[in-house]
Amino acid sequence: MSYEIAIIAPARRTLPRLPRDVRERLRTEIRALSVDPRPHGYGPVQSQPGYFRIRVGDWRILYRIDDAERRVTIVEIMPRQDDYRVR
């Protein structure tokens, strides 16, 4: 059974500003999280308990997983060099 994907405002505002090829790679990875929210390469964010990150090229997707609700919430999309403070 798949997970519902919710994208909150900061991440939703970032996507349209990115180059088309980057945007499409990120969207593909976000859709894949609905099938497997814990794919190879994902990991916890040490400074933000309960948050996970996955690398997509030079970008990171920061997200939360709610197994009870079967929901993945995309919190932020940021360049890899940025830290993990949630806005």
N, C-alpha and C. Protein backbone atom coordinates (compact mmCIF):
# COMPACT_ATOMS: atom_id res chain seq x y z
N MET A 1 0.84 -1.18 0.00
CA MET A 1 0.00 0.00 0.00
C MET A 1 0.89 1.24 0.00
N SER A 2 0.57 2.21 -0.80
CA SER A 2 1.43 3.38 -0.94
C SER A 2 1.12 4.45 0.11
N TYR A 3 2.06 5.35 0.24
CA TYR A 3 1.95 6.47 1.16
C TYR A 3 1.43 7.69 0.41
N GLU A 4 0.68 8.52 1.11
CA GLU A 4 0.24 9.80 0.55
C GLU A 4 1.41 10.77 0.66
N ILE A 5 1.58 11.61 -0.34
CA ILE A 5 2.63 12.62 -0.32
C ILE A 5 2.01 13.98 -0.05
N ALA A 6 2.53 14.69 0.94
CA ALA A 6 2.13 16.06 1.22
C ALA A 6 3.38 16.93 1.10
N ILE A 7 3.27 18.02 0.38
CA ILE A 7 4.41 18.93 0.20
C ILE A 7 4.01 20.26 0.84
N ILE A 8 4.73 20.65 1.90
CA ILE A 8 4.37 21.89 2.58
C ILE A 8 4.98 23.08 1.85
N ALA A 9 4.53 24.27 2.23
CA ALA A 9 4.80 25.51 1.49
C ALA A 9 6.27 25.76 1.15
N PRO A 10 7.23 25.68 2.08
CA PRO A 10 8.61 25.98 1.67
C PRO A 10 9.11 25.11 0.51
N ALA A 11 8.81 23.82 0.56
CA ALA A 11 9.23 22.93 -0.52
C ALA A 11 8.44 23.22 -1.79
N ARG A 12 7.16 23.50 -1.66
CA ARG A 12 6.32 23.79 -2.82
C ARG A 12 6.80 25.06 -3.53
N ARG A 13 7.30 26.03 -2.79
CA ARG A 13 7.80 27.27 -3.40
C ARG A 13 9.13 27.06 -4.10
N THR A 14 9.94 26.12 -3.62
CA THR A 14 11.26 25.88 -4.20
C THR A 14 11.19 25.21 -5.56
N LEU A 15 10.33 24.23 -5.71
CA LEU A 15 10.29 23.43 -6.95
C LEU A 15 10.16 24.25 -8.23
N PRO A 16 9.21 25.18 -8.35
CA PRO A 16 9.07 25.90 -9.62
C PRO A 16 10.26 26.78 -9.97
N ARG A 17 11.07 27.11 -9.01
CA ARG A 17 12.22 28.00 -9.25
C ARG A 17 13.44 27.27 -9.81
N LEU A 18 13.40 25.95 -9.80
CA LEU A 18 14.56 25.16 -10.22
C LEU A 18 14.54 24.89 -11.72
N PRO A 19 15.71 24.61 -12.30
CA PRO A 19 15.75 24.23 -13.71
C PRO A 19 14.89 22.99 -13.95
N ARG A 20 14.33 22.90 -15.12
CA ARG A 20 13.38 21.83 -15.45
C ARG A 20 13.95 20.44 -15.18
N ASP A 21 15.19 20.17 -15.59
CA ASP A 21 15.74 18.83 -15.39
C ASP A 21 15.89 18.48 -13.91
N VAL A 22 16.30 19.44 -13.11
CA VAL A 22 16.42 19.22 -11.66
C VAL A 22 15.05 19.00 -11.06
N ARG A 23 14.11 19.83 -11.45
CA ARG A 23 12.73 19.74 -10.94
C ARG A 23 12.13 18.36 -11.24
N GLU A 24 12.34 17.87 -12.45
CA GLU A 24 11.79 16.57 -12.82
C GLU A 24 12.46 15.43 -12.05
N ARG A 25 13.77 15.51 -11.82
CA ARG A 25 14.44 14.48 -11.02
C ARG A 25 13.91 14.47 -9.59
N LEU A 26 13.70 15.66 -9.03
CA LEU A 26 13.15 15.74 -7.67
C LEU A 26 11.73 15.20 -7.62
N ARG A 27 10.91 15.56 -8.58
CA ARG A 27 9.53 15.06 -8.60
C ARG A 27 9.49 13.54 -8.75
N THR A 28 10.37 12.99 -9.55
CA THR A 28 10.44 11.54 -9.71
C THR A 28 10.78 10.89 -8.37
N GLU A 29 11.75 11.45 -7.68
CA GLU A 29 12.15 10.90 -6.38
C GLU A 29 11.04 11.05 -5.35
N ILE A 30 10.33 12.17 -5.37
CA ILE A 30 9.21 12.38 -4.45
C ILE A 30 8.12 11.34 -4.71
N ARG A 31 7.80 11.09 -5.97
CA ARG A 31 6.80 10.06 -6.29
C ARG A 31 7.26 8.69 -5.81
N ALA A 32 8.55 8.40 -5.94
CA ALA A 32 9.08 7.11 -5.49
C ALA A 32 8.96 6.95 -3.97
N LEU A 33 9.01 8.05 -3.23
CA LEU A 33 8.85 7.98 -1.79
C LEU A 33 7.46 7.50 -1.40
N SER A 34 6.48 7.68 -2.27
CA SER A 34 5.13 7.20 -1.96
C SER A 34 5.08 5.68 -1.96
N VAL A 35 5.97 5.04 -2.68
CA VAL A 35 6.03 3.58 -2.73
C VAL A 35 6.97 3.05 -1.64
N ASP A 36 8.12 3.70 -1.47
CA ASP A 36 9.10 3.28 -0.48
C ASP A 36 9.68 4.52 0.20
N PRO A 37 9.16 4.89 1.37
CA PRO A 37 9.65 6.10 2.03
C PRO A 37 11.03 5.92 2.67
N ARG A 38 11.56 4.72 2.63
CA ARG A 38 12.88 4.45 3.18
C ARG A 38 13.77 3.78 2.12
N PRO A 39 14.03 4.48 1.02
CA PRO A 39 14.82 3.87 -0.07
C PRO A 39 16.29 3.81 0.30
N HIS A 40 17.04 3.09 -0.52
CA HIS A 40 18.49 3.03 -0.36
C HIS A 40 19.04 4.45 -0.42
N GLY A 41 19.88 4.82 0.53
CA GLY A 41 20.48 6.14 0.52
C GLY A 41 19.78 7.16 1.40
N TYR A 42 18.62 6.81 1.95
CA TYR A 42 17.95 7.76 2.84
C TYR A 42 18.64 7.70 4.20
N GLY A 43 18.44 8.71 5.01
CA GLY A 43 19.02 8.68 6.35
C GLY A 43 18.36 9.68 7.26
N PRO A 44 18.53 9.48 8.56
CA PRO A 44 17.96 10.43 9.51
C PRO A 44 18.78 11.72 9.52
N VAL A 45 18.14 12.81 9.87
CA VAL A 45 18.83 14.09 10.03
C VAL A 45 19.20 14.19 11.50
N GLN A 46 20.47 14.18 11.79
CA GLN A 46 20.93 14.16 13.18
C GLN A 46 20.47 15.37 13.98
N SER A 47 20.44 16.53 13.36
CA SER A 47 20.07 17.75 14.08
C SER A 47 18.56 17.95 14.18
N GLN A 48 17.77 17.14 13.49
CA GLN A 48 16.31 17.26 13.49
C GLN A 48 15.68 15.89 13.70
N PRO A 49 15.52 15.44 14.95
CA PRO A 49 14.93 14.12 15.19
C PRO A 49 13.56 13.98 14.52
N GLY A 50 13.33 12.84 13.91
CA GLY A 50 12.06 12.57 13.23
C GLY A 50 12.05 12.97 11.76
N TYR A 51 13.13 13.60 11.30
CA TYR A 51 13.24 14.01 9.90
C TYR A 51 14.23 13.10 9.19
N PHE A 52 13.99 12.93 7.90
CA PHE A 52 14.86 12.11 7.06
C PHE A 52 15.27 12.94 5.86
N ARG A 53 16.35 12.50 5.21
CA ARG A 53 16.83 13.20 4.02
C ARG A 53 17.23 12.17 2.99
N ILE A 54 17.12 12.60 1.74
CA ILE A 54 17.60 11.79 0.64
C ILE A 54 18.26 12.73 -0.36
N ARG A 55 19.34 12.27 -0.92
CA ARG A 55 20.10 13.07 -1.87
C ARG A 55 19.60 12.82 -3.29
N VAL A 56 19.43 13.90 -4.04
CA VAL A 56 19.06 13.83 -5.46
C VAL A 56 20.02 14.78 -6.17
N GLY A 57 21.11 14.24 -6.70
CA GLY A 57 22.12 15.08 -7.33
C GLY A 57 22.71 16.04 -6.31
N ASP A 58 22.68 17.33 -6.60
CA ASP A 58 23.21 18.35 -5.70
C ASP A 58 22.16 18.88 -4.75
N TRP A 59 21.03 18.21 -4.65
CA TRP A 59 19.91 18.64 -3.82
C TRP A 59 19.57 17.60 -2.78
N ARG A 60 18.92 18.04 -1.74
CA ARG A 60 18.41 17.15 -0.69
C ARG A 60 16.91 17.39 -0.54
N ILE A 61 16.21 16.30 -0.28
CA ILE A 61 14.79 16.37 0.07
C ILE A 61 14.73 16.02 1.56
N LEU A 62 14.18 16.93 2.34
CA LEU A 62 14.00 16.73 3.77
C LEU A 62 12.54 16.38 4.00
N TYR A 63 12.27 15.28 4.72
CA TYR A 63 10.89 14.83 4.86
C TYR A 63 10.67 14.10 6.18
N ARG A 64 9.39 13.94 6.52
CA ARG A 64 8.95 13.18 7.69
C ARG A 64 8.11 12.01 7.20
N ILE A 65 8.12 10.93 7.97
CA ILE A 65 7.32 9.75 7.64
C ILE A 65 6.34 9.52 8.78
N ASP A 66 5.07 9.38 8.44
CA ASP A 66 4.05 9.01 9.42
C ASP A 66 3.48 7.66 8.98
N ASP A 67 4.00 6.59 9.61
CA ASP A 67 3.58 5.25 9.22
C ASP A 67 2.12 4.98 9.59
N ALA A 68 1.66 5.54 10.69
CA ALA A 68 0.27 5.31 11.12
C ALA A 68 -0.71 5.89 10.10
N GLU A 69 -0.41 7.08 9.59
CA GLU A 69 -1.27 7.74 8.59
C GLU A 69 -0.88 7.37 7.16
N ARG A 70 0.26 6.69 7.01
CA ARG A 70 0.80 6.34 5.69
C ARG A 70 0.98 7.60 4.85
N ARG A 71 1.71 8.55 5.45
CA ARG A 71 1.94 9.84 4.81
C ARG A 71 3.41 10.21 4.88
N VAL A 72 3.92 10.72 3.77
CA VAL A 72 5.26 11.30 3.71
C VAL A 72 5.06 12.80 3.49
N THR A 73 5.63 13.60 4.39
CA THR A 73 5.50 15.06 4.28
C THR A 73 6.85 15.62 3.86
N ILE A 74 6.87 16.22 2.67
CA ILE A 74 8.09 16.86 2.16
C ILE A 74 8.16 18.23 2.82
N VAL A 75 9.19 18.44 3.62
CA VAL A 75 9.31 19.65 4.42
C VAL A 75 10.12 20.71 3.69
N GLU A 76 11.21 20.29 3.06
CA GLU A 76 12.11 21.26 2.44
C GLU A 76 12.87 20.59 1.31
N ILE A 77 13.21 21.37 0.31
CA ILE A 77 14.09 20.96 -0.77
C ILE A 77 15.20 21.99 -0.79
N MET A 78 16.44 21.52 -0.61
CA MET A 78 17.53 22.47 -0.45
C MET A 78 18.80 21.97 -1.12
N PRO A 79 19.71 22.90 -1.44
CA PRO A 79 21.01 22.48 -1.97
C PRO A 79 21.76 21.66 -0.92
N ARG A 80 22.58 20.74 -1.35
CA ARG A 80 23.31 19.87 -0.42
C ARG A 80 24.15 20.63 0.58
N GLN A 81 24.72 21.76 0.20
CA GLN A 81 25.62 22.46 1.11
C GLN A 81 24.90 23.18 2.25
N ASP A 82 23.58 23.35 2.16
CA ASP A 82 22.83 24.00 3.22
C ASP A 82 22.70 23.07 4.43
N ASP A 83 22.53 23.68 5.60
CA ASP A 83 22.31 22.86 6.79
C ASP A 83 20.83 22.44 6.84
N TYR A 84 20.48 21.70 7.86
CA TYR A 84 19.15 21.10 7.92
C TYR A 84 18.19 21.81 8.85
N ARG A 85 18.34 23.10 9.04
CA ARG A 85 17.37 23.82 9.87
C ARG A 85 16.07 23.98 9.09
N VAL A 86 15.01 23.51 9.69
CA VAL A 86 13.68 23.60 9.06
C VAL A 86 13.20 25.03 9.19
N ARG A 87 12.75 25.60 8.08
CA ARG A 87 12.25 26.98 8.09
C ARG A 87 10.82 27.04 8.56
